[in-house]
């Protein structure tokens, strides 16, 4: 059974809301799924993404293939990076405790970048209105 991590559309016309699910690749887009691992709301500003990183990593290690959009979400939230680090543990390059330290350092750096970007966008928006 080929498993995919993909989006399942919900919401009304013009107001999409997506669930990020692990599903059999033969199932319909909005049909059966094995497990829900998160949600994605592109209509909010900025887009809202709730993702269970541990579930996503578990499915990627089991061989689930993410769709293009889900792959971008996994990279943005750090699940792809954590999967990469855990592969290093399997190969014996470093220990499991180092994975958490490196991942938490990456998350802190990412939050800093996002905060800077939001502040710049707010300043630009305020400058346009003045």
C-alpha atoms as a PDB file:
ATOM      1  CA  UNK A   1       0.000   0.000   0.000  1.00  0.00           C
ATOM      2  CA  UNK A   2       1.513   3.311  -1.106  1.00  0.00           C
ATOM      3  CA  UNK A   3       0.884   6.013   1.478  1.00  0.00           C
ATOM      4  CA  UNK A   4       0.845   9.729   0.792  1.00  0.00           C
ATOM      5  CA  UNK A   5       0.833  12.759   3.012  1.00  0.00           C
ATOM      6  CA  UNK A   6      -1.585  15.154   1.360  1.00  0.00           C
ATOM      7  CA  UNK A   7      -4.216  17.828   1.849  1.00  0.00           C
ATOM      8  CA  UNK A   8      -7.905  17.065   2.275  1.00  0.00           C
ATOM      9  CA  UNK A   9     -10.092  20.062   1.367  1.00  0.00           C
ATOM     10  CA  UNK A  10     -12.864  21.290   3.624  1.00  0.00           C
ATOM     11  CA  UNK A  11     -14.681  24.600   3.921  1.00  0.00           C
ATOM     12  CA  UNK A  12     -17.080  26.365   1.634  1.00  0.00           C
ATOM     13  CA  UNK A  13     -16.585  27.808  -1.823  1.00  0.00           C
ATOM     14  CA  UNK A  14     -13.915  30.504  -1.699  1.00  0.00           C
ATOM     15  CA  UNK A  15     -13.050  29.668   1.921  1.00  0.00           C
ATOM     16  CA  UNK A  16     -10.785  26.605   1.778  1.00  0.00           C
ATOM     17  CA  UNK A  17      -9.585  24.836   4.896  1.00  0.00           C
ATOM     18  CA  UNK A  18      -7.364  21.796   4.647  1.00  0.00           C
ATOM     19  CA  UNK A  19      -6.575  18.824   6.850  1.00  0.00           C
ATOM     20  CA  UNK A  20      -3.120  17.313   6.421  1.00  0.00           C
ATOM     21  CA  UNK A  21      -3.634  13.555   6.341  1.00  0.00           C
ATOM     22  CA  UNK A  22      -1.814  10.298   5.718  1.00  0.00           C
ATOM     23  CA  UNK A  23      -3.881   8.400   3.148  1.00  0.00           C
ATOM     24  CA  UNK A  24      -3.655   5.498   0.753  1.00  0.00           C
ATOM     25  CA  UNK A  25      -2.594   6.913  -2.605  1.00  0.00           C
ATOM     26  CA  UNK A  26      -5.548   5.200  -4.296  1.00  0.00           C
ATOM     27  CA  UNK A  27      -8.129   6.937  -2.070  1.00  0.00           C
ATOM     28  CA  UNK A  28     -10.053   9.988  -3.273  1.00  0.00           C
ATOM     29  CA  UNK A  29      -8.777  13.436  -2.366  1.00  0.00           C
ATOM     30  CA  UNK A  30     -11.473  14.027   0.241  1.00  0.00           C
ATOM     31  CA  UNK A  31     -12.113  10.343   0.949  1.00  0.00           C
ATOM     32  CA  UNK A  32     -10.680   7.812   3.333  1.00  0.00           C
ATOM     33  CA  UNK A  33      -7.557   8.574   5.274  1.00  0.00           C
ATOM     34  CA  UNK A  34      -5.464   6.689   7.793  1.00  0.00           C
ATOM     35  CA  UNK A  35      -4.516   9.475  10.205  1.00  0.00           C
ATOM     36  CA  UNK A  36      -4.832  13.254  10.455  1.00  0.00           C
ATOM     37  CA  UNK A  37      -1.520  14.920  11.268  1.00  0.00           C
ATOM     38  CA  UNK A  38      -2.449  18.596  11.066  1.00  0.00           C
ATOM     39  CA  UNK A  39      -4.443  21.446   9.562  1.00  0.00           C
ATOM     40  CA  UNK A  40      -3.724  24.264   7.123  1.00  0.00           C
ATOM     41  CA  UNK A  41      -5.786  27.442   6.707  1.00  0.00           C
ATOM     42  CA  UNK A  42      -4.502  29.536   3.783  1.00  0.00           C
ATOM     43  CA  UNK A  43      -7.225  32.201   4.113  1.00  0.00           C
ATOM     44  CA  UNK A  44      -5.998  33.624   7.418  1.00  0.00           C
ATOM     45  CA  UNK A  45      -3.274  36.259   7.348  1.00  0.00           C
ATOM     46  CA  UNK A  46      -0.673  34.876   7.831  1.00  0.00           C
ATOM     47  CA  UNK A  47      -1.662  31.328   6.894  1.00  0.00           C
ATOM     48  CA  UNK A  48      -2.288  29.116   9.924  1.00  0.00           C
ATOM     49  CA  UNK A  49      -0.515  25.757  10.078  1.00  0.00           C
ATOM     50  CA  UNK A  50      -0.982  23.281  12.928  1.00  0.00           C
ATOM     51  CA  UNK A  51       1.194  20.208  12.493  1.00  0.00           C
ATOM     52  CA  UNK A  52       2.059  17.288  14.760  1.00  0.00           C
ATOM     53  CA  UNK A  53       5.732  17.046  13.846  1.00  0.00           C
ATOM     54  CA  UNK A  54       6.258  13.678  15.529  1.00  0.00           C
ATOM     55  CA  UNK A  55       3.403  12.051  13.568  1.00  0.00           C
ATOM     56  CA  UNK A  56       4.682  13.563  10.324  1.00  0.00           C
ATOM     57  CA  UNK A  57       8.197  12.246  10.959  1.00  0.00           C
ATOM     58  CA  UNK A  58       6.786   8.811  11.831  1.00  0.00           C
ATOM     59  CA  UNK A  59       4.948   8.649   8.507  1.00  0.00           C
ATOM     60  CA  UNK A  60       7.952   9.873   6.505  1.00  0.00           C
ATOM     61  CA  UNK A  61      10.150   7.231   8.141  1.00  0.00           C
ATOM     62  CA  UNK A  62       7.527   4.622   7.242  1.00  0.00           C
ATOM     63  CA  UNK A  63       7.887   5.637   3.580  1.00  0.00           C
ATOM     64  CA  UNK A  64       4.943   7.997   3.065  1.00  0.00           C
ATOM     65  CA  UNK A  65       5.474  10.303   0.092  1.00  0.00           C
ATOM     66  CA  UNK A  66       4.314  13.925   0.679  1.00  0.00           C
ATOM     67  CA  UNK A  67       2.536  15.913  -2.023  1.00  0.00           C
ATOM     68  CA  UNK A  68       4.247  19.087  -3.249  1.00  0.00           C
ATOM     69  CA  UNK A  69       2.260  21.421  -0.986  1.00  0.00           C
ATOM     70  CA  UNK A  70       2.616  19.181   2.060  1.00  0.00           C
ATOM     71  CA  UNK A  71       6.347  18.867   1.387  1.00  0.00           C
ATOM     72  CA  UNK A  72       6.611  22.677   1.527  1.00  0.00           C
ATOM     73  CA  UNK A  73       4.628  22.728   4.786  1.00  0.00           C
ATOM     74  CA  UNK A  74       6.832  20.009   6.299  1.00  0.00           C
ATOM     75  CA  UNK A  75       9.952  21.972   5.377  1.00  0.00           C
ATOM     76  CA  UNK A  76       8.512  25.194   6.791  1.00  0.00           C
ATOM     77  CA  UNK A  77       7.562  23.601  10.118  1.00  0.00           C
ATOM     78  CA  UNK A  78      10.815  21.620  10.429  1.00  0.00           C
ATOM     79  CA  UNK A  79       9.480  18.062  10.127  1.00  0.00           C
ATOM     80  CA  UNK A  80      11.683  17.373   7.105  1.00  0.00           C
ATOM     81  CA  UNK A  81      14.737  18.619   9.026  1.00  0.00           C
ATOM     82  CA  UNK A  82      13.929  16.451  12.038  1.00  0.00           C
ATOM     83  CA  UNK A  83      13.533  13.431   9.739  1.00  0.00           C
ATOM     84  CA  UNK A  84      16.943  14.258   8.268  1.00  0.00           C
ATOM     85  CA  UNK A  85      18.509  14.430  11.735  1.00  0.00           C
ATOM     86  CA  UNK A  86      16.947  11.119  12.783  1.00  0.00           C
ATOM     87  CA  UNK A  87      18.439   9.491   9.702  1.00  0.00           C
ATOM     88  CA  UNK A  88      21.838  10.636  10.988  1.00  0.00           C
ATOM     89  CA  UNK A  89      21.127   8.828  14.257  1.00  0.00           C
ATOM     90  CA  UNK A  90      20.355   5.608  12.347  1.00  0.00           C
ATOM     91  CA  UNK A  91      23.635   5.948  10.485  1.00  0.00           C
ATOM     92  CA  UNK A  92      25.493   6.504  13.768  1.00  0.00           C
ATOM     93  CA  UNK A  93      26.696  10.024  12.990  1.00  0.00           C
ATOM     94  CA  UNK A  94      25.465  11.459  16.301  1.00  0.00           C
ATOM     95  CA  UNK A  95      23.250  10.652  19.282  1.00  0.00           C
ATOM     96  CA  UNK A  96      19.526  11.102  19.855  1.00  0.00           C
ATOM     97  CA  UNK A  97      20.121  13.834  22.443  1.00  0.00           C
ATOM     98  CA  UNK A  98      21.947  15.908  19.834  1.00  0.00           C
ATOM     99  CA  UNK A  99      18.910  15.675  17.531  1.00  0.00           C
ATOM    100  CA  UNK A 100      16.684  17.476  20.021  1.00  0.00           C
ATOM    101  CA  UNK A 101      19.325  20.123  20.693  1.00  0.00           C
ATOM    102  CA  UNK A 102      19.892  20.810  16.980  1.00  0.00           C
ATOM    103  CA  UNK A 103      16.154  20.790  16.233  1.00  0.00           C
ATOM    104  CA  UNK A 104      15.359  23.200  19.104  1.00  0.00           C
ATOM    105  CA  UNK A 105      18.158  25.519  17.948  1.00  0.00           C
ATOM    106  CA  UNK A 106      16.697  25.442  14.433  1.00  0.00           C
ATOM    107  CA  UNK A 107      13.200  26.207  15.795  1.00  0.00           C
ATOM    108  CA  UNK A 108      14.509  29.196  17.763  1.00  0.00           C
ATOM    109  CA  UNK A 109      16.273  30.578  14.690  1.00  0.00           C
ATOM    110  CA  UNK A 110      13.148  30.030  12.587  1.00  0.00           C
ATOM    111  CA  UNK A 111      10.920  31.839  15.112  1.00  0.00           C
ATOM    112  CA  UNK A 112      13.328  34.768  15.051  1.00  0.00           C
ATOM    113  CA  UNK A 113      13.184  34.988  11.267  1.00  0.00           C
ATOM    114  CA  UNK A 114       9.381  34.777  11.247  1.00  0.00           C
ATOM    115  CA  UNK A 115       9.082  37.482  13.921  1.00  0.00           C
ATOM    116  CA  UNK A 116      11.419  39.759  11.951  1.00  0.00           C
ATOM    117  CA  UNK A 117       9.449  39.165   8.769  1.00  0.00           C
ATOM    118  CA  UNK A 118       6.116  39.896  10.507  1.00  0.00           C
ATOM    119  CA  UNK A 119       7.490  43.100  12.034  1.00  0.00           C
ATOM    120  CA  UNK A 120       8.757  44.282   8.651  1.00  0.00           C
ATOM    121  CA  UNK A 121       5.415  43.473   6.992  1.00  0.00           C
ATOM    122  CA  UNK A 122       3.514  45.344   9.707  1.00  0.00           C
ATOM    123  CA  UNK A 123       5.806  48.363   9.327  1.00  0.00           C
ATOM    124  CA  UNK A 124       5.337  48.370   5.540  1.00  0.00           C
ATOM    125  CA  UNK A 125       1.569  48.068   5.960  1.00  0.00           C
ATOM    126  CA  UNK A 126       1.525  50.947   8.450  1.00  0.00           C
ATOM    127  CA  UNK A 127       3.688  53.093   6.147  1.00  0.00           C
ATOM    128  CA  UNK A 128       1.268  52.553   3.249  1.00  0.00           C
ATOM    129  CA  UNK A 129      -1.705  53.645   5.371  1.00  0.00           C
ATOM    130  CA  UNK A 130       0.017  56.827   6.614  1.00  0.00           C
END
